[in-house]
PDB file of N, CA and C in Angstrom:
ATOM      1  N   MET A   1     -12.561   6.245   1.243  1.00  0.00           N
ATOM      2  CA  MET A   1     -11.222   6.771   1.064  1.00  0.00           C
ATOM      3  C   MET A   1     -10.213   5.629   1.177  1.00  0.00           C
ATOM      4  N   ASN A   2      -9.190   5.704   0.367  1.00  0.00           N
ATOM      5  CA  ASN A   2      -8.134   4.708   0.388  1.00  0.00           C
ATOM      6  C   ASN A   2      -7.424   4.763   1.746  1.00  0.00           C
ATOM      7  N   PRO A   3      -7.332   3.649   2.466  1.00  0.00           N
ATOM      8  CA  PRO A   3      -6.698   3.667   3.788  1.00  0.00           C
ATOM      9  C   PRO A   3      -5.227   4.079   3.745  1.00  0.00           C
ATOM     10  N   LEU A   4      -4.569   3.918   2.610  1.00  0.00           N
ATOM     11  CA  LEU A   4      -3.183   4.366   2.513  1.00  0.00           C
ATOM     12  C   LEU A   4      -3.060   5.867   2.743  1.00  0.00           C
ATOM     13  N   LEU A   5      -4.121   6.606   2.412  1.00  0.00           N
ATOM     14  CA  LEU A   5      -4.065   8.061   2.536  1.00  0.00           C
ATOM     15  C   LEU A   5      -3.956   8.515   3.990  1.00  0.00           C
ATOM     16  N   GLU A   6      -4.236   7.624   4.929  1.00  0.00           N
ATOM     17  CA  GLU A   6      -4.059   7.960   6.342  1.00  0.00           C
ATOM     18  C   GLU A   6      -2.581   8.158   6.680  1.00  0.00           C
ATOM     19  N   ARG A   7      -1.693   7.723   5.783  1.00  0.00           N
ATOM     20  CA  ARG A   7      -0.251   7.877   5.988  1.00  0.00           C
ATOM     21  C   ARG A   7       0.235   9.256   5.564  1.00  0.00           C
ATOM     22  N   ILE A   8      -0.656  10.063   4.984  1.00  0.00           N
ATOM     23  CA  ILE A   8      -0.297  11.393   4.505  1.00  0.00           C
ATOM     24  C   ILE A   8      -0.773  12.426   5.520  1.00  0.00           C
ATOM     25  N   SER A   9       0.076  13.409   5.758  1.00  0.00           N
ATOM     26  CA  SER A   9      -0.251  14.483   6.693  1.00  0.00           C
ATOM     27  C   SER A   9      -0.103  15.825   5.982  1.00  0.00           C
ATOM     28  N   VAL A  10      -1.067  16.705   6.221  1.00  0.00           N
ATOM     29  CA  VAL A  10      -0.988  18.077   5.732  1.00  0.00           C
ATOM     30  C   VAL A  10      -1.179  18.970   6.946  1.00  0.00           C
ATOM     31  N   ASP A  11      -0.126  19.681   7.305  1.00  0.00           N
ATOM     32  CA  ASP A  11      -0.155  20.543   8.478  1.00  0.00           C
ATOM     33  C   ASP A  11       0.468  21.874   8.073  1.00  0.00           C
ATOM     34  N   PRO A  12      -0.286  22.972   8.216  1.00  0.00           N
ATOM     35  CA  PRO A  12       0.257  24.264   7.793  1.00  0.00           C
ATOM     36  C   PRO A  12       1.528  24.661   8.545  1.00  0.00           C
ATOM     37  N   ASN A  13       1.801  24.041   9.674  1.00  0.00           N
ATOM     38  CA  ASN A  13       2.998  24.350  10.451  1.00  0.00           C
ATOM     39  C   ASN A  13       4.186  23.453  10.120  1.00  0.00           C
ATOM     40  N   VAL A  14       3.992  22.520   9.201  1.00  0.00           N
ATOM     41  CA  VAL A  14       5.065  21.588   8.831  1.00  0.00           C
ATOM     42  C   VAL A  14       5.254  21.649   7.321  1.00  0.00           C
ATOM     43  N   CYS A  15       6.467  21.922   6.897  1.00  0.00           N
ATOM     44  CA  CYS A  15       6.814  21.939   5.470  1.00  0.00           C
ATOM     45  C   CYS A  15       5.887  22.823   4.646  1.00  0.00           C
ATOM     46  N   PHE A  16       5.535  23.961   5.210  1.00  0.00           N
ATOM     47  CA  PHE A  16       4.711  24.951   4.501  1.00  0.00           C
ATOM     48  C   PHE A  16       3.344  24.402   4.099  1.00  0.00           C
ATOM     49  N   GLY A  17       2.869  23.379   4.806  1.00  0.00           N
ATOM     50  CA  GLY A  17       1.562  22.799   4.515  1.00  0.00           C
ATOM     51  C   GLY A  17       1.549  21.841   3.344  1.00  0.00           C
ATOM     52  N   LYS A  18       2.721  21.470   2.841  1.00  0.00           N
ATOM     53  CA  LYS A  18       2.772  20.511   1.739  1.00  0.00           C
ATOM     54  C   LYS A  18       2.486  19.111   2.271  1.00  0.00           C
ATOM     55  N   PRO A  19       1.826  18.282   1.478  1.00  0.00           N
ATOM     56  CA  PRO A  19       1.559  16.909   1.909  1.00  0.00           C
ATOM     57  C   PRO A  19       2.863  16.152   2.149  1.00  0.00           C
ATOM     58  N   CYS A  20       2.951  15.547   3.320  1.00  0.00           N
ATOM     59  CA  CYS A  20       4.134  14.782   3.729  1.00  0.00           C
ATOM     60  C   CYS A  20       3.706  13.396   4.191  1.00  0.00           C
ATOM     61  N   ILE A  21       4.673  12.508   4.243  1.00  0.00           N
ATOM     62  CA  ILE A  21       4.430  11.212   4.869  1.00  0.00           C
ATOM     63  C   ILE A  21       4.319  11.475   6.367  1.00  0.00           C
ATOM     64  N   ARG A  22       3.237  11.002   6.957  1.00  0.00           N
ATOM     65  CA  ARG A  22       2.961  11.248   8.371  1.00  0.00           C
ATOM     66  C   ARG A  22       4.166  10.869   9.236  1.00  0.00           C
ATOM     67  N   GLY A  23       4.490  11.755  10.159  1.00  0.00           N
ATOM     68  CA  GLY A  23       5.596  11.509  11.078  1.00  0.00           C
ATOM     69  C   GLY A  23       6.953  11.874  10.509  1.00  0.00           C
ATOM     70  N   THR A  24       6.966  12.430   9.290  1.00  0.00           N
ATOM     71  CA  THR A  24       8.227  12.832   8.666  1.00  0.00           C
ATOM     72  C   THR A  24       8.060  14.220   8.058  1.00  0.00           C
ATOM     73  N   ARG A  25       9.125  14.712   7.507  1.00  0.00           N
ATOM     74  CA  ARG A  25       9.084  15.950   6.718  1.00  0.00           C
ATOM     75  C   ARG A  25       9.410  15.637   5.261  1.00  0.00           C
ATOM     76  N   ILE A  26       9.080  14.436   4.855  1.00  0.00           N
ATOM     77  CA  ILE A  26       9.353  13.993   3.483  1.00  0.00           C
ATOM     78  C   ILE A  26       8.111  14.262   2.637  1.00  0.00           C
ATOM     79  N   TRP A  27       8.275  15.148   1.670  1.00  0.00           N
ATOM     80  CA  TRP A  27       7.151  15.548   0.824  1.00  0.00           C
ATOM     81  C   TRP A  27       6.703  14.420  -0.089  1.00  0.00           C
ATOM     82  N   VAL A  28       5.403  14.319  -0.258  1.00  0.00           N
ATOM     83  CA  VAL A  28       4.829  13.381  -1.224  1.00  0.00           C
ATOM     84  C   VAL A  28       5.392  13.677  -2.610  1.00  0.00           C
ATOM     85  N   SER A  29       5.477  14.949  -2.960  1.00  0.00           N
ATOM     86  CA  SER A  29       5.963  15.317  -4.297  1.00  0.00           C
ATOM     87  C   SER A  29       7.401  14.854  -4.521  1.00  0.00           C
ATOM     88  N   LEU A  30       8.225  14.856  -3.481  1.00  0.00           N
ATOM     89  CA  LEU A  30       9.596  14.376  -3.612  1.00  0.00           C
ATOM     90  C   LEU A  30       9.614  12.903  -3.992  1.00  0.00           C
ATOM     91  N   LEU A  31       8.801  12.117  -3.306  1.00  0.00           N
ATOM     92  CA  LEU A  31       8.743  10.678  -3.604  1.00  0.00           C
ATOM     93  C   LEU A  31       8.226  10.436  -5.010  1.00  0.00           C
ATOM     94  N   LEU A  32       7.219  11.192  -5.422  1.00  0.00           N
ATOM     95  CA  LEU A  32       6.692  11.038  -6.776  1.00  0.00           C
ATOM     96  C   LEU A  32       7.740  11.437  -7.813  1.00  0.00           C
ATOM     97  N   ASP A  33       8.503  12.485  -7.530  1.00  0.00           N
ATOM     98  CA  ASP A  33       9.591  12.881  -8.434  1.00  0.00           C
ATOM     99  C   ASP A  33      10.627  11.772  -8.554  1.00  0.00           C
ATOM    100  N   PHE A  34      11.008  11.181  -7.425  1.00  0.00           N
ATOM    101  CA  PHE A  34      11.975  10.081  -7.461  1.00  0.00           C
ATOM    102  C   PHE A  34      11.467   8.944  -8.343  1.00  0.00           C
ATOM    103  N   LEU A  35      10.216   8.559  -8.133  1.00  0.00           N
ATOM    104  CA  LEU A  35       9.644   7.461  -8.912  1.00  0.00           C
ATOM    105  C   LEU A  35       9.567   7.827 -10.394  1.00  0.00           C
ATOM    106  N   ALA A  36       9.169   9.055 -10.690  1.00  0.00           N
ATOM    107  CA  ALA A  36       9.052   9.504 -12.078  1.00  0.00           C
ATOM    108  C   ALA A  36      10.410   9.519 -12.779  1.00  0.00           C
ATOM    109  N   ASN A  37      11.468   9.743 -12.009  1.00  0.00           N
ATOM    110  CA  ASN A  37      12.807   9.784 -12.585  1.00  0.00           C
ATOM    111  C   ASN A  37      13.487   8.415 -12.613  1.00  0.00           C
ATOM    112  N   GLY A  38      12.720   7.370 -12.294  1.00  0.00           N
ATOM    113  CA  GLY A  38      13.231   6.015 -12.455  1.00  0.00           C
ATOM    114  C   GLY A  38      13.790   5.360 -11.214  1.00  0.00           C
ATOM    115  N   MET A  39      13.720   6.030 -10.093  1.00  0.00           N
ATOM    116  CA  MET A  39      14.207   5.416  -8.863  1.00  0.00           C
ATOM    117  C   MET A  39      13.237   4.309  -8.454  1.00  0.00           C
ATOM    118  N   SER A  40      13.762   3.204  -8.006  1.00  0.00           N
ATOM    119  CA  SER A  40      12.897   2.109  -7.564  1.00  0.00           C
ATOM    120  C   SER A  40      12.464   2.331  -6.118  1.00  0.00           C
ATOM    121  N   ILE A  41      11.434   1.629  -5.738  1.00  0.00           N
ATOM    122  CA  ILE A  41      10.983   1.698  -4.344  1.00  0.00           C
ATOM    123  C   ILE A  41      12.116   1.264  -3.423  1.00  0.00           C
ATOM    124  N   GLU A  42      12.831   0.225  -3.807  1.00  0.00           N
ATOM    125  CA  GLU A  42      13.934  -0.271  -2.987  1.00  0.00           C
ATOM    126  C   GLU A  42      15.016   0.792  -2.818  1.00  0.00           C
ATOM    127  N   GLU A  43      15.314   1.531  -3.887  1.00  0.00           N
ATOM    128  CA  GLU A  43      16.329   2.586  -3.800  1.00  0.00           C
ATOM    129  C   GLU A  43      15.874   3.713  -2.866  1.00  0.00           C
ATOM    130  N   ILE A  44      14.597   4.060  -2.954  1.00  0.00           N
ATOM    131  CA  ILE A  44      14.071   5.102  -2.067  1.00  0.00           C
ATOM    132  C   ILE A  44      14.156   4.650  -0.615  1.00  0.00           C
ATOM    133  N   LEU A  45      13.800   3.399  -0.362  1.00  0.00           N
ATOM    134  CA  LEU A  45      13.851   2.881   1.006  1.00  0.00           C
ATOM    135  C   LEU A  45      15.279   2.829   1.540  1.00  0.00           C
ATOM    136  N   GLU A  46      16.249   2.587   0.670  1.00  0.00           N
ATOM    137  CA  GLU A  46      17.650   2.619   1.098  1.00  0.00           C
ATOM    138  C   GLU A  46      18.063   4.036   1.473  1.00  0.00           C
ATOM    139  N   GLU A  47      17.587   5.007   0.686  1.00  0.00           N
ATOM    140  CA  GLU A  47      17.936   6.414   0.919  1.00  0.00           C
ATOM    141  C   GLU A  47      17.208   6.992   2.135  1.00  0.00           C
ATOM    142  N   TYR A  48      15.982   6.522   2.370  1.00  0.00           N
ATOM    143  CA  TYR A  48      15.137   7.014   3.461  1.00  0.00           C
ATOM    144  C   TYR A  48      14.648   5.823   4.286  1.00  0.00           C
ATOM    145  N   PRO A  49      15.503   5.264   5.147  1.00  0.00           N
ATOM    146  CA  PRO A  49      15.144   4.037   5.874  1.00  0.00           C
ATOM    147  C   PRO A  49      13.975   4.206   6.842  1.00  0.00           C
ATOM    148  N   GLN A  50      13.596   5.452   7.157  1.00  0.00           N
ATOM    149  CA  GLN A  50      12.449   5.651   8.038  1.00  0.00           C
ATOM    150  C   GLN A  50      11.119   5.406   7.318  1.00  0.00           C
ATOM    151  N   LEU A  51      11.162   5.290   5.992  1.00  0.00           N
ATOM    152  CA  LEU A  51       9.946   5.040   5.221  1.00  0.00           C
ATOM    153  C   LEU A  51       9.700   3.548   5.075  1.00  0.00           C
ATOM    154  N   THR A  52       8.447   3.234   4.742  1.00  0.00           N
ATOM    155  CA  THR A  52       8.067   1.858   4.426  1.00  0.00           C
ATOM    156  C   THR A  52       7.529   1.833   3.003  1.00  0.00           C
ATOM    157  N   GLU A  53       7.408   0.652   2.463  1.00  0.00           N
ATOM    158  CA  GLU A  53       6.824   0.521   1.126  1.00  0.00           C
ATOM    159  C   GLU A  53       5.413   1.095   1.109  1.00  0.00           C
ATOM    160  N   GLU A  54       4.668   0.913   2.198  1.00  0.00           N
ATOM    161  CA  GLU A  54       3.310   1.446   2.277  1.00  0.00           C
ATOM    162  C   GLU A  54       3.309   2.973   2.203  1.00  0.00           C
ATOM    163  N   ASP A  55       4.337   3.617   2.772  1.00  0.00           N
ATOM    164  CA  ASP A  55       4.441   5.075   2.689  1.00  0.00           C
ATOM    165  C   ASP A  55       4.582   5.516   1.238  1.00  0.00           C
ATOM    166  N   ILE A  56       5.396   4.808   0.494  1.00  0.00           N
ATOM    167  CA  ILE A  56       5.601   5.161  -0.909  1.00  0.00           C
ATOM    168  C   ILE A  56       4.328   4.897  -1.705  1.00  0.00           C
ATOM    169  N   ARG A  57       3.664   3.791  -1.417  1.00  0.00           N
ATOM    170  CA  ARG A  57       2.386   3.527  -2.095  1.00  0.00           C
ATOM    171  C   ARG A  57       1.351   4.575  -1.722  1.00  0.00           C
ATOM    172  N   ALA A  58       1.406   5.090  -0.497  1.00  0.00           N
ATOM    173  CA  ALA A  58       0.499   6.162  -0.083  1.00  0.00           C
ATOM    174  C   ALA A  58       0.758   7.421  -0.904  1.00  0.00           C
ATOM    175  N   ALA A  59       2.021   7.729  -1.164  1.00  0.00           N
ATOM    176  CA  ALA A  59       2.352   8.897  -1.993  1.00  0.00           C
ATOM    177  C   ALA A  59       1.784   8.716  -3.401  1.00  0.00           C
ATOM    178  N   ILE A  60       1.889   7.521  -3.941  1.00  0.00           N
ATOM    179  CA  ILE A  60       1.342   7.242  -5.273  1.00  0.00           C
ATOM    180  C   ILE A  60      -0.176   7.381  -5.247  1.00  0.00           C
ATOM    181  N   ALA A  61      -0.807   6.844  -4.217  1.00  0.00           N
ATOM    182  CA  ALA A  61      -2.271   6.937  -4.102  1.00  0.00           C
ATOM    183  C   ALA A  61      -2.718   8.387  -3.989  1.00  0.00           C
ATOM    184  N   TYR A  62      -1.971   9.191  -3.239  1.00  0.00           N
ATOM    185  CA  TYR A  62      -2.299  10.609  -3.101  1.00  0.00           C
ATOM    186  C   TYR A  62      -2.178  11.302  -4.458  1.00  0.00           C
ATOM    187  N   GLY A  63      -1.106  11.016  -5.171  1.00  0.00           N
ATOM    188  CA  GLY A  63      -0.933  11.589  -6.509  1.00  0.00           C
ATOM    189  C   GLY A  63      -2.046  11.186  -7.446  1.00  0.00           C
ATOM    190  N   ALA A  64      -2.493   9.945  -7.352  1.00  0.00           N
ATOM    191  CA  ALA A  64      -3.596   9.478  -8.199  1.00  0.00           C
ATOM    192  C   ALA A  64      -4.882  10.236  -7.882  1.00  0.00           C
ATOM    193  N   GLU A  65      -5.154  10.415  -6.608  1.00  0.00           N
ATOM    194  CA  GLU A  65      -6.352  11.162  -6.214  1.00  0.00           C
ATOM    195  C   GLU A  65      -6.286  12.593  -6.731  1.00  0.00           C
ATOM    196  N   MET A  66      -5.142  13.224  -6.588  1.00  0.00           N
ATOM    197  CA  MET A  66      -5.001  14.613  -7.025  1.00  0.00           C
ATOM    198  C   MET A  66      -5.116  14.729  -8.536  1.00  0.00           C
ATOM    199  N   SER A  67      -4.660  13.730  -9.271  1.00  0.00           N
ATOM    200  CA  SER A  67      -4.728  13.802 -10.727  1.00  0.00           C
ATOM    201  C   SER A  67      -6.161  13.668 -11.235  1.00  0.00           C
ATOM    202  N   ARG A  68      -7.020  13.128 -10.411  1.00  0.00           N
ATOM    203  CA  ARG A  68      -8.437  13.032 -10.777  1.00  0.00           C
ATOM    204  C   ARG A  68      -9.167  14.330 -10.476  1.00  0.00           C
ATOM    205  N   GLU A  69      -8.443  15.282  -9.920  1.00  0.00           N
ATOM    206  CA  GLU A  69      -9.012  16.547  -9.479  1.00  0.00           C
ATOM    207  C   GLU A  69     -10.056  16.344  -8.395  1.00  0.00           C
ATOM    208  N   ARG A  70      -9.925  15.220  -7.715  1.00  0.00           N
ATOM    209  CA  ARG A  70     -10.764  14.979  -6.546  1.00  0.00           C
ATOM    210  C   ARG A  70      -9.938  15.372  -5.349  1.00  0.00           C
ATOM    211  N   TYR A  71     -10.038  16.601  -4.980  1.00  0.00           N
ATOM    212  CA  TYR A  71      -9.242  17.077  -3.868  1.00  0.00           C
ATOM    213  C   TYR A  71      -9.801  16.483  -2.586  1.00  0.00           C
ATOM    214  N   ILE A  72      -8.931  15.842  -1.848  1.00  0.00           N
ATOM    215  CA  ILE A  72      -9.357  15.162  -0.638  1.00  0.00           C
ATOM    216  C   ILE A  72      -8.857  15.927   0.567  1.00  0.00           C
ATOM    217  N   GLU A  73      -9.687  16.001   1.540  1.00  0.00           N
ATOM    218  CA  GLU A  73      -9.314  16.691   2.763  1.00  0.00           C
ATOM    219  C   GLU A  73      -8.506  15.754   3.634  1.00  0.00           C
ATOM    220  N   ILE A  74      -7.318  16.174   3.951  1.00  0.00           N
ATOM    221  CA  ILE A  74      -6.461  15.419   4.854  1.00  0.00           C
ATOM    222  C   ILE A  74      -6.516  16.155   6.187  1.00  0.00           C
ATOM    223  N   LEU A  75      -6.906  15.461   7.206  1.00  0.00           N
ATOM    224  CA  LEU A  75      -6.993  16.082   8.515  1.00  0.00           C
ATOM    225  C   LEU A  75      -5.627  16.535   8.950  1.00  0.00           C
ATOM    226  N   SER A  76      -5.565  17.786   9.360  1.00  0.00           N
ATOM    227  CA  SER A  76      -4.277  18.238   9.851  1.00  0.00           C
ATOM    228  C   SER A  76      -4.077  17.644  11.229  1.00  0.00           C
ATOM    229  N   GLY A  77      -2.912  17.462  11.522  1.00  0.00           N
ATOM    230  CA  GLY A  77      -2.509  16.899  12.786  1.00  0.00           C
ATOM    231  C   GLY A  77      -1.013  16.780  12.707  1.00  0.00           C
ATOM    232  N   GLY A  78      -0.374  17.224  13.697  1.00  0.00           N
ATOM    233  CA  GLY A  78       1.073  17.243  13.666  1.00  0.00           C
ATOM    234  C   GLY A  78       1.655  15.893  13.308  1.00  0.00           C
ATOM    235  N   ASN A  79       2.905  15.926  13.055  1.00  0.00           N
ATOM    236  CA  ASN A  79       3.611  14.672  12.795  1.00  0.00           C
ATOM    237  C   ASN A  79       3.799  13.949  14.104  1.00  0.00           C
ATOM    238  N   GLU A  80       3.285  12.761  14.154  1.00  0.00           N
ATOM    239  CA  GLU A  80       3.361  12.001  15.396  1.00  0.00           C
ATOM    240  C   GLU A  80       4.632  11.240  15.490  1.00  0.00           C
TER     241      GLU A  80
END
């Protein structure tokens, strides 16, 4: 498994169980939407200073895994 995926959290008690960046309530899908609409990584980091470049790359890696229809189990665990 890609080690970046450890930055993703899926918890049914947080954000309706949607994949989020661990320790935040920022949805992976939100970051992917920003990137798809032309926002740069630098712009996202300015808007969300609690994120790191690795968090954004983790969102991309998660999207890549999901697009392969290889559903990966993300251990639930609260946001630390």
